[in-house]
Protein backbone atom coordinates (compact mmCIF):
# COMPACT_ATOMS: atom_id res chain seq x y z
CA MET A 1 60.21 -86.44 50.41
CA ILE A 2 57.28 -86.26 47.93
CA GLU A 3 56.92 -83.11 45.78
CA ARG A 4 53.69 -82.30 44.07
CA PHE A 5 53.20 -80.65 40.78
CA LYS A 6 49.80 -79.39 39.58
CA GLN A 7 49.51 -76.78 36.84
CA ASP A 8 53.26 -76.34 37.11
CA ASP A 9 54.92 -77.89 34.00
CA ALA A 10 58.14 -75.88 34.48
CA GLY A 11 58.54 -77.04 38.02
CA TYR A 12 57.86 -80.62 37.12
CA ILE A 13 60.28 -80.62 34.17
CA ARG A 14 62.93 -78.97 36.43
CA TRP A 15 62.44 -81.61 39.12
CA SER A 16 62.56 -84.41 36.51
CA ASN A 17 65.75 -83.10 35.08
CA GLU A 18 67.46 -82.72 38.47
CA HIS A 19 66.34 -86.16 39.51
CA PRO A 20 66.93 -88.51 36.58
CA ASP A 21 66.82 -91.55 38.88
CA GLY A 22 63.55 -90.39 40.60
CA PHE A 23 60.06 -91.66 40.22
CA VAL A 24 56.64 -90.26 39.44
CA LEU A 25 53.09 -91.21 40.45
CA HIS A 26 50.47 -90.21 37.98
CA ARG A 27 46.80 -90.52 38.96
CA LYS A 28 44.43 -91.62 36.28
CA SER A 29 40.80 -92.64 36.88
CA GLY A 30 41.39 -92.97 40.61
CA ASP A 31 44.34 -95.24 40.28
CA PHE A 32 48.04 -94.43 40.38
CA SER A 33 50.65 -95.44 37.92
CA LEU A 34 54.28 -95.43 38.73
CA HIS A 35 56.91 -94.05 36.23
CA ARG A 36 60.57 -93.19 36.07
CA SER A 37 61.19 -89.49 36.18
CA GLN A 38 62.68 -89.49 32.69
CA TRP A 39 59.76 -91.39 31.06
CA SER A 40 60.05 -90.27 27.46
CA HIS A 41 56.50 -91.01 26.43
CA ILE A 42 55.07 -88.20 28.52
CA TYR A 43 56.99 -85.72 26.33
CA GLU A 44 55.75 -87.33 23.14
CA MET A 45 52.37 -85.87 23.60
CA GLY A 46 53.36 -82.52 22.08
CA SER A 47 54.13 -78.97 23.17
CA ASP A 48 50.48 -78.09 23.61
CA TYR A 49 49.96 -80.92 26.18
CA ALA A 50 49.87 -79.70 29.90
CA LEU A 51 52.05 -82.24 31.74
CA THR A 52 50.69 -81.34 35.15
CA SER A 53 47.01 -80.84 34.45
CA ALA A 54 46.72 -84.06 36.46
CA GLU A 55 48.84 -83.79 39.55
CA LYS A 56 52.13 -85.54 39.56
CA LEU A 57 53.78 -86.78 42.76
CA CYS A 58 57.56 -87.17 42.58
CA ALA A 59 60.11 -88.64 44.83
CA GLN A 60 63.65 -89.98 44.76
CA SER A 61 62.30 -93.17 46.63
CA ARG A 62 60.16 -95.71 44.75
CA ASN A 63 59.03 -97.15 48.08
CA GLU A 64 57.88 -93.82 49.34
CA LEU A 65 55.53 -93.45 46.36
CA VAL A 66 54.31 -97.00 46.56
CA HIS A 67 53.49 -96.39 50.29
CA TYR A 68 51.67 -93.28 49.38
CA SER A 69 49.59 -95.09 46.84
CA ARG A 70 48.74 -97.79 49.30
CA GLU A 71 47.74 -95.21 51.92
CA HIS A 72 45.39 -93.32 49.52
CA THR A 73 43.99 -96.09 47.42
CA GLY A 74 44.50 -99.29 49.31
CA ARG A 75 46.67 -100.75 46.64
CA ALA A 76 50.14 -100.36 45.08
CA PRO A 77 50.43 -98.34 41.87
CA THR A 78 50.49 -100.02 38.53
CA ALA A 79 54.03 -99.99 37.14
CA CYS A 80 54.35 -98.44 33.68
CA GLU A 81 55.10 -101.10 31.11
CA SER A 82 57.12 -98.71 29.00
CA CYS A 83 59.61 -97.30 31.53
CA GLU A 84 59.54 -100.29 33.95
CA PRO A 85 60.19 -98.41 37.26
């Protein structure tokens, strides 16, 4: 099941902590990137940064998010080179 977080940093952080083995799709410039739910570099942006100003799509299943990306963009998401999902 995919959960969406937009303008809900607290909900996103809670989901991430409750699903440490989960995955996150982040949309940037029309393309999706795929991350692990505990990707530390997102938290390195500082406390003033809004984590969910851009919608985050979260799921326990990597395949579910890859399928979503293919359905909505016609291609698989780019895998993050830092967290290697």
